[in-house]
């Protein structure tokens, strides 16, 4: 059995291995993790869609709650992870341990509060999120178990990012993919075999999240060279939360505004009926699946970026960015073309018996496919700015395509052009956000080039 690398060996790997070899090595496990996570999210939507259109729409309603859980988990996880990458790059192991413990324990505490508050006001909550009279009972039943699992879901997001930040993406993948596979197995068994309906899908998700959480804790506590989680290192003060939030708020902006946008999307779709809500829910889940491969690839880039920025290897930061951007554009252009041509067939797989769902969703999916290459530029730019600690600019980018550039079209266009406004809003947001990314990245790339020249002169 191959011996695990020491922290010194891992440091050397991160700052010396050619980026076109290192990033794919770190990215493949993360891509698999993201794809499996996205697949089991789609599996929930697929199996629940077999129950009824209203049940399918309920998954879309509760998705905004899941997005908020994910937003907080990602904020603490990516904030802690990015800080740890730079901290290990500068060889401050003691501070890295405190960051890890603080991020993880805080996630558990907030998750518990989320559970208590959410369940205590569940029925008013689902109506606020856009559920119609026919959707609300399904949404409340599904949402109860999702909220019950909030602490382990948030904790898992943090552990996943902590492992990736240290270069242990493979071990992170084991925890995430195992839970995802179990979810996909349990879905049809509980929904149809035990006749539990939509509650079965939610229970399958909750159980799988608990299993993932346990495996991630095990990997974190047993891998040689990995930072251990210690209660004694929990340091809830500004010196810890400041850097974590500075690095993590972009993720909160991205995921949090995505939750808000989902609520607005469901409310905007409400006048057009359950079919519109179901169709937009299916399209959203499918686009999450497509983007998961890109995000997984980008997450292989982030620890490399953070390590090398901390080690003042700015040349490698830029080299990594351009390499990832080229790969991302090729990937999304290809997937976008395939999805555009097969849009109707994709929607048919989910709701074969509802022609309204198919018609509405096909148009919406094709609009989003046309702007897929722009998403490569947006996401990779966001990951670079976040990884190197440019928190404010990263927050602007991360809040663009699923927030500040999406919410106005959702509020305005359906009233002007009807359901077409709903279907084209995300594509418009992608175009606007890509232009914002150009303005921000021109300055950042210039700064990194100047730092790289200065660093080279110092070394010489």
Protein backbone atom coordinates (compact mmCIF):
# COMPACT_ATOMS: atom_id res chain seq x y z
CA UNK A 1 0.00 0.00 0.00
CA UNK A 2 1.33 3.41 -0.97
CA UNK A 3 2.40 5.54 1.99
CA UNK A 4 0.52 8.81 2.47
CA UNK A 5 2.44 11.99 1.75
CA UNK A 6 3.73 14.14 4.57
CA UNK A 7 2.75 17.82 4.67
CA UNK A 8 6.21 18.74 3.37
CA UNK A 9 5.90 16.37 0.41
CA UNK A 10 2.42 17.69 -0.33
CA UNK A 11 3.70 21.27 -0.19
CA UNK A 12 6.40 20.42 -2.72
CA UNK A 13 3.87 18.73 -4.97
CA UNK A 14 1.57 21.76 -4.94
CA UNK A 15 4.20 24.32 -5.89
CA UNK A 16 6.39 22.29 -8.26
CA UNK A 17 4.27 19.78 -10.22
CA UNK A 18 3.32 21.10 -13.71
CA UNK A 19 -0.18 22.56 -13.49
CA UNK A 20 -1.48 20.60 -16.50
CA UNK A 21 -0.75 17.42 -14.56
CA UNK A 22 -1.47 18.58 -11.01
CA UNK A 23 -4.89 20.19 -11.58
CA UNK A 24 -6.45 17.19 -13.38
CA UNK A 25 -5.04 14.91 -10.68
CA UNK A 26 -6.79 16.95 -7.98
CA UNK A 27 -9.85 17.68 -10.10
CA UNK A 28 -10.88 14.18 -11.19
CA UNK A 29 -12.00 13.05 -7.70
CA UNK A 30 -13.80 16.37 -7.20
CA UNK A 31 -15.50 16.16 -10.59
CA UNK A 32 -16.72 12.67 -9.70
CA UNK A 33 -17.98 13.94 -6.32
CA UNK A 34 -19.81 16.87 -7.92
CA UNK A 35 -21.31 14.72 -10.67
CA UNK A 36 -22.53 12.08 -8.22
CA UNK A 37 -24.02 14.79 -5.98
CA UNK A 38 -25.74 16.33 -8.97
CA UNK A 39 -26.91 12.95 -10.26
CA UNK A 40 -28.58 12.05 -7.00
CA UNK A 41 -30.21 15.50 -6.92
CA UNK A 42 -31.54 14.73 -10.39
CA UNK A 43 -32.54 11.24 -9.23
CA UNK A 44 -34.75 12.83 -6.56
CA UNK A 45 -36.34 15.02 -9.24
CA UNK A 46 -36.71 12.10 -11.66
CA UNK A 47 -38.33 9.64 -9.23
CA UNK A 48 -40.53 12.27 -7.60
CA UNK A 49 -41.63 13.44 -11.06
CA UNK A 50 -43.13 10.00 -11.60
CA UNK A 51 -45.57 10.73 -8.75
CA UNK A 52 -47.16 13.88 -10.22
CA UNK A 53 -46.42 17.31 -11.65
CA UNK A 54 -47.21 18.91 -8.27
CA UNK A 55 -44.77 16.58 -6.49
CA UNK A 56 -42.10 17.41 -9.09
CA UNK A 57 -42.72 21.13 -8.50
CA UNK A 58 -42.41 20.59 -4.72
CA UNK A 59 -38.79 19.51 -5.14
CA UNK A 60 -38.17 22.84 -6.88
CA UNK A 61 -39.85 24.72 -4.03
CA UNK A 62 -37.72 23.03 -1.34
CA UNK A 63 -34.59 23.45 -3.46
CA UNK A 64 -34.37 27.06 -2.29
CA UNK A 65 -34.08 25.75 1.31
CA UNK A 66 -31.40 23.28 0.25
CA UNK A 67 -29.62 26.08 -1.59
CA UNK A 68 -29.52 28.16 1.61
CA UNK A 69 -28.17 25.22 3.64
CA UNK A 70 -25.60 24.74 0.91
CA UNK A 71 -24.83 28.48 0.88
CA UNK A 72 -23.92 28.56 4.57
CA UNK A 73 -22.04 25.26 4.32
CA UNK A 74 -20.07 26.46 1.32
CA UNK A 75 -19.37 29.83 2.95
CA UNK A 76 -17.79 28.18 5.98
CA UNK A 77 -16.26 25.31 4.00
CA UNK A 78 -14.74 27.25 1.13
CA UNK A 79 -13.84 30.12 3.45
CA UNK A 80 -12.01 27.75 5.79
CA UNK A 81 -10.55 25.75 2.91
CA UNK A 82 -9.18 28.73 1.02
CA UNK A 83 -7.67 30.15 4.22
CA UNK A 84 -6.09 26.78 5.01
CA UNK A 85 -4.57 26.48 1.50
CA UNK A 86 -2.86 29.86 1.86
CA UNK A 87 -1.93 29.18 5.50
CA UNK A 88 -0.32 25.83 4.68
CA UNK A 89 1.38 27.52 1.73
CA UNK A 90 3.01 29.89 4.24
CA UNK A 91 3.64 26.91 6.63
CA UNK A 92 1.54 27.99 9.62
CA UNK A 93 0.08 24.61 10.69
CA UNK A 94 -1.18 25.79 14.09
CA UNK A 95 -3.40 28.46 12.56
CA UNK A 96 -4.63 25.99 9.94
CA UNK A 97 -5.85 23.67 12.72
CA UNK A 98 -7.75 26.51 14.40
CA UNK A 99 -9.37 27.55 11.13
CA UNK A 100 -10.50 23.96 10.44
CA UNK A 101 -12.05 23.44 13.89
CA UNK A 102 -13.74 26.84 13.93
CA UNK A 103 -15.30 26.42 10.48
CA UNK A 104 -16.55 22.89 11.15
CA UNK A 105 -18.06 23.41 14.62
CA UNK A 106 -19.69 26.68 13.54
CA UNK A 107 -21.37 24.80 10.66
CA UNK A 108 -22.86 22.25 13.07
CA UNK A 109 -24.21 24.97 15.36
CA UNK A 110 -25.79 26.99 12.54
CA UNK A 111 -27.19 23.80 11.00
CA UNK A 112 -28.92 22.92 14.27
CA UNK A 113 -30.47 26.39 14.46
CA UNK A 114 -31.60 26.02 10.85
CA UNK A 115 -33.37 22.76 11.72
CA UNK A 116 -35.18 24.16 14.75
CA UNK A 117 -36.34 27.36 13.06
CA UNK A 118 -37.28 25.72 9.75
CA UNK A 119 -39.36 22.89 11.18
CA UNK A 120 -41.17 25.16 13.64
CA UNK A 121 -42.54 27.28 10.75
CA UNK A 122 -42.59 24.71 7.96
CA UNK A 123 -46.05 25.27 6.45
CA UNK A 124 -45.85 29.09 6.25
CA UNK A 125 -42.32 28.66 4.91
CA UNK A 126 -43.27 26.56 1.87
CA UNK A 127 -46.07 28.99 0.98
CA UNK A 128 -43.61 31.89 1.22
CA UNK A 129 -41.25 29.97 -1.12
CA UNK A 130 -43.89 29.96 -3.87
CA UNK A 131 -45.88 26.75 -3.34
CA UNK A 132 -49.43 26.66 -4.68
CA UNK A 133 -52.30 24.97 -2.80
CA UNK A 134 -51.65 21.71 -4.64
CA UNK A 135 -47.87 21.83 -4.23
CA UNK A 136 -47.73 22.89 -0.54
CA UNK A 137 -48.53 19.48 1.07
CA UNK A 138 -45.81 17.77 -0.97
CA UNK A 139 -43.31 20.56 -0.26
CA UNK A 140 -43.92 20.44 3.52
CA UNK A 141 -43.53 16.65 3.59
CA UNK A 142 -40.30 16.76 1.58
CA UNK A 143 -38.91 19.80 3.40
CA UNK A 144 -39.31 18.32 6.91
CA UNK A 145 -36.65 15.65 6.39
CA UNK A 146 -34.34 17.96 4.47
CA UNK A 147 -34.38 20.42 7.36
CA UNK A 148 -33.83 17.60 9.84
CA UNK A 149 -30.56 16.78 8.08
CA UNK A 150 -29.34 20.40 7.92
CA UNK A 151 -26.54 20.07 10.56
CA UNK A 152 -24.88 17.08 8.88
CA UNK A 153 -25.36 18.64 5.44
CA UNK A 154 -23.58 21.83 6.51
CA UNK A 155 -20.89 19.85 8.32
CA UNK A 156 -20.30 17.71 5.23
CA UNK A 157 -19.81 20.77 3.01
CA UNK A 158 -17.12 22.03 5.40
CA UNK A 159 -15.34 18.67 5.67
CA UNK A 160 -15.43 18.21 1.91
CA UNK A 161 -13.74 21.57 1.36
CA UNK A 162 -11.20 21.07 4.15
CA UNK A 163 -10.02 17.80 2.60
CA UNK A 164 -9.83 19.33 -0.88
CA UNK A 165 -7.93 22.36 0.38
CA UNK A 166 -5.16 20.10 1.65
CA UNK A 167 -4.99 18.11 -1.60
CA UNK A 168 -7.01 15.12 -0.33
CA UNK A 169 -9.70 15.33 -3.00
CA UNK A 170 -9.73 11.55 -3.50
CA UNK A 171 -10.72 10.90 0.12
CA UNK A 172 -13.34 13.63 -0.06
CA UNK A 173 -14.72 11.90 -3.15
CA UNK A 174 -15.16 8.61 -1.24
CA UNK A 175 -17.45 10.24 1.31
CA UNK A 176 -19.52 12.22 -1.18
CA UNK A 177 -19.94 9.50 -3.82
CA UNK A 178 -20.81 6.76 -1.32
CA UNK A 179 -23.63 8.85 0.08
CA UNK A 180 -24.81 9.75 -3.42
CA UNK A 181 -24.92 6.13 -4.59
CA UNK A 182 -26.86 5.11 -1.47
CA UNK A 183 -29.34 7.92 -2.13
CA UNK A 184 -29.98 6.73 -5.66
CA UNK A 185 -30.52 3.17 -4.42
CA UNK A 186 -32.86 4.23 -1.62
CA UNK A 187 -34.98 6.59 -3.76
CA UNK A 188 -37.03 4.00 -5.70
CA UNK A 189 -37.08 1.59 -2.73
CA UNK A 190 -38.58 4.12 -0.32
CA UNK A 191 -40.75 6.04 -2.81
CA UNK A 192 -42.32 3.05 -4.57
CA UNK A 193 -41.27 -0.11 -2.73
CA UNK A 194 -42.41 1.14 0.69
CA UNK A 195 -45.02 3.45 -0.86
CA UNK A 196 -43.67 6.46 1.08
CA UNK A 197 -44.09 8.88 -1.82
CA UNK A 198 -42.23 12.16 -1.71
CA UNK A 199 -41.27 11.59 1.96
CA UNK A 200 -39.29 8.57 0.81
CA UNK A 201 -37.16 10.75 -1.48
CA UNK A 202 -36.44 13.17 1.38
CA UNK A 203 -35.57 10.36 3.82
CA UNK A 204 -33.23 8.84 1.22
CA UNK A 205 -31.45 12.18 0.93
CA UNK A 206 -31.21 12.62 4.71
CA UNK A 207 -29.85 9.09 5.29
CA UNK A 208 -27.28 9.44 2.50
CA UNK A 209 -26.12 12.79 3.89
CA UNK A 210 -25.56 11.20 7.32
CA UNK A 211 -23.49 8.41 5.77
CA UNK A 212 -21.40 10.92 3.79
CA UNK A 213 -20.85 12.95 6.95
CA UNK A 214 -19.60 9.91 8.87
CA UNK A 215 -17.20 8.92 6.10
CA UNK A 216 -15.82 12.46 5.76
CA UNK A 217 -15.21 12.67 9.52
CA UNK A 218 -13.40 9.31 9.36
CA UNK A 219 -11.19 10.43 6.45
CA UNK A 220 -10.36 13.71 8.18
CA UNK A 221 -9.38 12.06 11.46
CA UNK A 222 -7.37 9.12 10.09
CA UNK A 223 -5.36 10.33 7.07
CA UNK A 224 -1.67 10.89 7.71
CA UNK A 225 -0.65 14.51 7.24
CA UNK A 226 -4.27 15.73 7.34
CA UNK A 227 -5.31 18.44 9.79
CA UNK A 228 -7.22 16.89 12.70
CA UNK A 229 -10.43 18.38 14.05
CA UNK A 230 -10.01 19.20 17.74
CA UNK A 231 -12.61 20.85 19.97
CA UNK A 232 -9.76 22.57 21.84
CA UNK A 233 -8.84 24.40 18.62
CA UNK A 234 -12.34 25.93 18.24
CA UNK A 235 -11.61 29.66 18.32
CA UNK A 236 -14.82 31.69 17.81
CA UNK A 237 -13.32 35.16 17.57
CA UNK A 238 -12.84 37.83 14.93
CA UNK A 239 -9.27 36.77 14.10
CA UNK A 240 -10.70 33.45 12.90
CA UNK A 241 -14.09 34.46 11.51
CA UNK A 242 -12.71 37.52 9.72
CA UNK A 243 -10.53 35.61 7.21
CA UNK A 244 -13.01 32.73 6.93
CA UNK A 245 -15.88 35.06 6.09
CA UNK A 246 -13.72 37.21 3.82
CA UNK A 247 -12.85 34.13 1.77
CA UNK A 248 -16.26 32.46 2.14
CA UNK A 249 -18.74 35.29 1.60
CA UNK A 250 -18.42 34.97 -2.22
CA UNK A 251 -19.82 31.44 -1.86
CA UNK A 252 -22.60 32.75 0.39
CA UNK A 253 -23.40 35.42 -2.19
CA UNK A 254 -23.46 32.87 -4.98
CA UNK A 255 -25.48 30.19 -3.19
CA UNK A 256 -27.53 32.54 -1.02
CA UNK A 257 -28.63 34.69 -3.92
CA UNK A 258 -29.30 31.49 -5.86
CA UNK A 259 -31.74 30.59 -3.08
CA UNK A 260 -33.39 34.01 -3.27
CA UNK A 261 -33.51 33.79 -7.08
CA UNK A 262 -35.11 30.34 -6.84
CA UNK A 263 -37.81 31.73 -4.57
CA UNK A 264 -38.44 34.60 -7.00
CA UNK A 265 -38.41 32.15 -9.91
CA UNK A 266 -41.05 29.99 -8.24
CA UNK A 267 -43.18 33.01 -7.35
CA UNK A 268 -42.85 34.35 -10.92
CA UNK A 269 -43.79 30.92 -12.31
CA UNK A 270 -46.76 30.60 -9.93
CA UNK A 271 -49.28 32.43 -12.20
CA UNK A 272 -48.43 30.06 -15.05
CA UNK A 273 -49.35 26.98 -12.99
CA UNK A 274 -47.73 23.86 -11.55
CA UNK A 275 -46.36 22.87 -14.97
CA UNK A 276 -44.23 26.03 -15.18
CA UNK A 277 -42.82 25.53 -11.67
CA UNK A 278 -42.08 21.86 -12.42
CA UNK A 279 -40.47 22.67 -15.79
CA UNK A 280 -38.16 25.34 -14.37
CA UNK A 281 -37.25 23.01 -11.49
CA UNK A 282 -36.23 20.26 -13.91
CA UNK A 283 -34.19 22.69 -16.03
CA UNK A 284 -32.45 24.04 -12.91
CA UNK A 285 -31.50 20.54 -11.76
CA UNK A 286 -30.23 19.61 -15.22
CA UNK A 287 -28.10 22.76 -15.46
CA UNK A 288 -26.70 22.01 -12.01
CA UNK A 289 -25.63 18.64 -13.39
CA UNK A 290 -23.88 20.25 -16.38
CA UNK A 291 -22.18 22.90 -14.24
CA UNK A 292 -21.13 20.35 -11.61
CA UNK A 293 -18.41 19.01 -13.91
CA UNK A 294 -17.02 22.53 -14.40
CA UNK A 295 -17.26 23.40 -10.72
CA UNK A 296 -15.53 20.12 -9.84
CA UNK A 297 -12.73 20.95 -12.25
CA UNK A 298 -12.46 24.44 -10.82
CA UNK A 299 -12.28 23.05 -7.30
CA UNK A 300 -9.23 21.08 -8.39
CA UNK A 301 -7.76 24.42 -9.42
CA UNK A 302 -8.52 26.25 -6.16
CA UNK A 303 -6.05 24.51 -3.78
CA UNK A 304 -3.32 24.86 -6.40
CA UNK A 305 -4.15 28.53 -6.73
CA UNK A 306 -4.28 29.09 -2.95
CA UNK A 307 -1.06 27.19 -2.20
CA UNK A 308 0.91 28.97 -4.89
CA UNK A 309 -0.47 32.39 -4.01
CA UNK A 310 0.57 31.77 -0.39
CA UNK A 311 4.01 30.64 -1.59
CA UNK A 312 4.29 33.78 -3.80
CA UNK A 313 4.36 31.72 -7.00
CA UNK A 314 2.16 34.14 -8.89
CA UNK A 315 3.36 32.82 -12.25
CA UNK A 316 1.82 29.44 -11.42
CA UNK A 317 -1.43 31.10 -10.32
CA UNK A 318 -1.80 32.68 -13.76
CA UNK A 319 -0.68 29.56 -15.59
CA UNK A 320 -3.26 27.51 -13.69
CA UNK A 321 -6.05 29.97 -14.46
CA UNK A 322 -5.46 30.05 -18.22
CA UNK A 323 -5.15 26.27 -18.37
CA UNK A 324 -8.47 25.79 -16.54
CA UNK A 325 -10.26 28.44 -18.60
CA UNK A 326 -9.32 26.75 -21.90
CA UNK A 327 -10.52 23.36 -20.66
CA UNK A 328 -13.74 24.87 -19.26
CA UNK A 329 -14.69 26.67 -22.49
CA UNK A 330 -14.21 23.51 -24.56
CA UNK A 331 -16.19 21.42 -22.06
CA UNK A 332 -19.20 23.73 -21.78
CA UNK A 333 -19.35 24.53 -25.49
CA UNK A 334 -19.56 20.81 -26.24
CA UNK A 335 -22.13 20.06 -23.54
CA UNK A 336 -24.15 23.13 -24.48
CA UNK A 337 -24.44 22.02 -28.11
CA UNK A 338 -25.49 18.49 -27.14
CA UNK A 339 -28.05 19.74 -24.62
CA UNK A 340 -29.51 22.30 -27.05
CA UNK A 341 -30.18 19.61 -29.64
CA UNK A 342 -31.57 17.14 -27.09
CA UNK A 343 -33.54 19.59 -24.93
CA UNK A 344 -36.98 18.16 -25.68
CA UNK A 345 -35.82 14.59 -25.05
CA UNK A 346 -34.24 15.63 -21.75
CA UNK A 347 -37.50 17.14 -20.46
CA UNK A 348 -39.47 14.13 -21.72
CA UNK A 349 -37.41 11.80 -19.53
CA UNK A 350 -38.72 13.56 -16.43
CA UNK A 351 -42.40 14.24 -17.25
CA UNK A 352 -43.34 12.19 -20.30
CA UNK A 353 -47.08 12.57 -19.63
CA UNK A 354 -47.17 16.36 -19.25
CA UNK A 355 -46.76 18.16 -22.58
CA UNK A 356 -46.89 21.60 -20.90
CA UNK A 357 -43.86 20.78 -18.73
CA UNK A 358 -41.97 19.56 -21.81
CA UNK A 359 -42.82 22.60 -23.92
CA UNK A 360 -42.00 25.19 -21.24
CA UNK A 361 -38.80 23.45 -20.14
CA UNK A 362 -37.45 22.89 -23.66
CA UNK A 363 -37.43 26.60 -24.49
CA UNK A 364 -35.89 27.53 -21.11
CA UNK A 365 -33.14 24.91 -21.46
CA UNK A 366 -32.22 26.01 -24.98
CA UNK A 367 -31.85 29.62 -23.89
CA UNK A 368 -29.43 28.56 -21.15
CA UNK A 369 -27.46 26.29 -23.48
CA UNK A 370 -26.68 29.26 -25.74
CA UNK A 371 -24.76 31.02 -22.95
CA UNK A 372 -22.90 27.99 -21.54
CA UNK A 373 -19.44 29.07 -22.82
CA UNK A 374 -19.87 32.35 -20.93
CA UNK A 375 -20.42 30.37 -17.73
CA UNK A 376 -16.89 28.94 -18.07
CA UNK A 377 -15.42 32.44 -17.97
CA UNK A 378 -17.67 33.52 -15.09
CA UNK A 379 -17.05 30.50 -12.85
CA UNK A 380 -13.28 30.27 -13.38
CA UNK A 381 -12.90 34.02 -12.78
CA UNK A 382 -14.90 33.70 -9.58
CA UNK A 383 -12.79 30.78 -8.35
CA UNK A 384 -9.54 32.63 -8.99
CA UNK A 385 -10.60 35.77 -7.13
CA UNK A 386 -11.95 33.74 -4.22
CA UNK A 387 -8.88 31.48 -3.93
CA UNK A 388 -6.41 34.36 -3.71
CA UNK A 389 -8.44 36.25 -1.12
CA UNK A 390 -9.91 39.02 -3.29
CA UNK A 391 -13.14 38.75 -1.33
CA UNK A 392 -15.06 41.82 -2.47
CA UNK A 393 -14.47 41.26 -6.17
CA UNK A 394 -15.16 37.56 -5.78
CA UNK A 395 -18.45 38.42 -4.06
CA UNK A 396 -19.52 40.61 -6.97
CA UNK A 397 -18.77 37.83 -9.46
CA UNK A 398 -20.34 35.08 -7.42
CA UNK A 399 -23.54 37.03 -6.87
CA UNK A 400 -23.95 37.90 -10.55
CA UNK A 401 -25.42 35.09 -12.65
CA UNK A 402 -27.66 33.72 -9.90
CA UNK A 403 -28.37 36.94 -8.09
CA UNK A 404 -27.91 40.59 -8.96
CA UNK A 405 -28.07 39.98 -12.72
CA UNK A 406 -30.86 37.38 -12.53
CA UNK A 407 -33.34 38.79 -10.04
CA UNK A 408 -34.24 41.99 -12.02
CA UNK A 409 -35.12 40.05 -15.23
CA UNK A 410 -37.21 37.60 -13.17
CA UNK A 411 -39.10 40.48 -11.56
CA UNK A 412 -39.61 42.48 -14.76
CA UNK A 413 -39.75 40.27 -17.87
CA UNK A 414 -42.63 37.85 -17.03
CA UNK A 415 -44.90 40.85 -16.59
CA UNK A 416 -43.83 42.28 -19.97
CA UNK A 417 -43.57 39.22 -22.24
CA UNK A 418 -45.22 36.46 -20.21
CA UNK A 419 -43.65 33.06 -19.71
CA UNK A 420 -40.96 33.80 -22.31
CA UNK A 421 -39.49 36.31 -19.83
CA UNK A 422 -39.23 33.51 -17.29
CA UNK A 423 -37.53 31.21 -19.78
CA UNK A 424 -34.90 33.69 -20.98
CA UNK A 425 -33.98 35.38 -17.66
CA UNK A 426 -31.01 33.12 -16.81
CA UNK A 427 -29.42 33.58 -20.26
CA UNK A 428 -29.67 37.36 -19.91
CA UNK A 429 -28.06 37.13 -16.46
CA UNK A 430 -25.17 35.10 -17.91
CA UNK A 431 -24.43 37.74 -20.55
CA UNK A 432 -24.48 40.59 -18.02
CA UNK A 433 -22.30 38.72 -15.50
CA UNK A 434 -19.70 37.82 -18.14
CA UNK A 435 -19.28 41.53 -18.91
CA UNK A 436 -18.79 42.29 -15.21
CA UNK A 437 -16.17 39.51 -15.06
CA UNK A 438 -14.22 41.12 -17.91
CA UNK A 439 -14.02 44.44 -16.08
CA UNK A 440 -12.87 42.78 -12.83
CA UNK A 441 -10.43 40.28 -14.32
CA UNK A 442 -8.52 42.76 -16.48
CA UNK A 443 -7.28 44.49 -13.32
CA UNK A 444 -6.61 41.28 -11.36
CA UNK A 445 -4.59 39.69 -14.17
CA UNK A 446 -2.56 42.88 -14.44
CA UNK A 447 -1.87 42.82 -10.66
CA UNK A 448 -0.80 39.17 -10.73
CA UNK A 449 1.56 39.77 -13.66
CA UNK A 450 3.18 42.64 -11.78
CA UNK A 451 3.56 40.51 -8.63
CA UNK A 452 5.03 37.66 -10.67
CA UNK A 453 7.66 40.00 -12.18
CA UNK A 454 8.52 41.44 -8.78
CA UNK A 455 8.77 37.98 -7.22
CA UNK A 456 11.06 36.80 -10.00
CA UNK A 457 13.38 39.81 -9.53
CA UNK A 458 13.52 39.12 -5.77
CA UNK A 459 14.44 35.47 -6.37
CA UNK A 460 17.11 36.45 -8.89
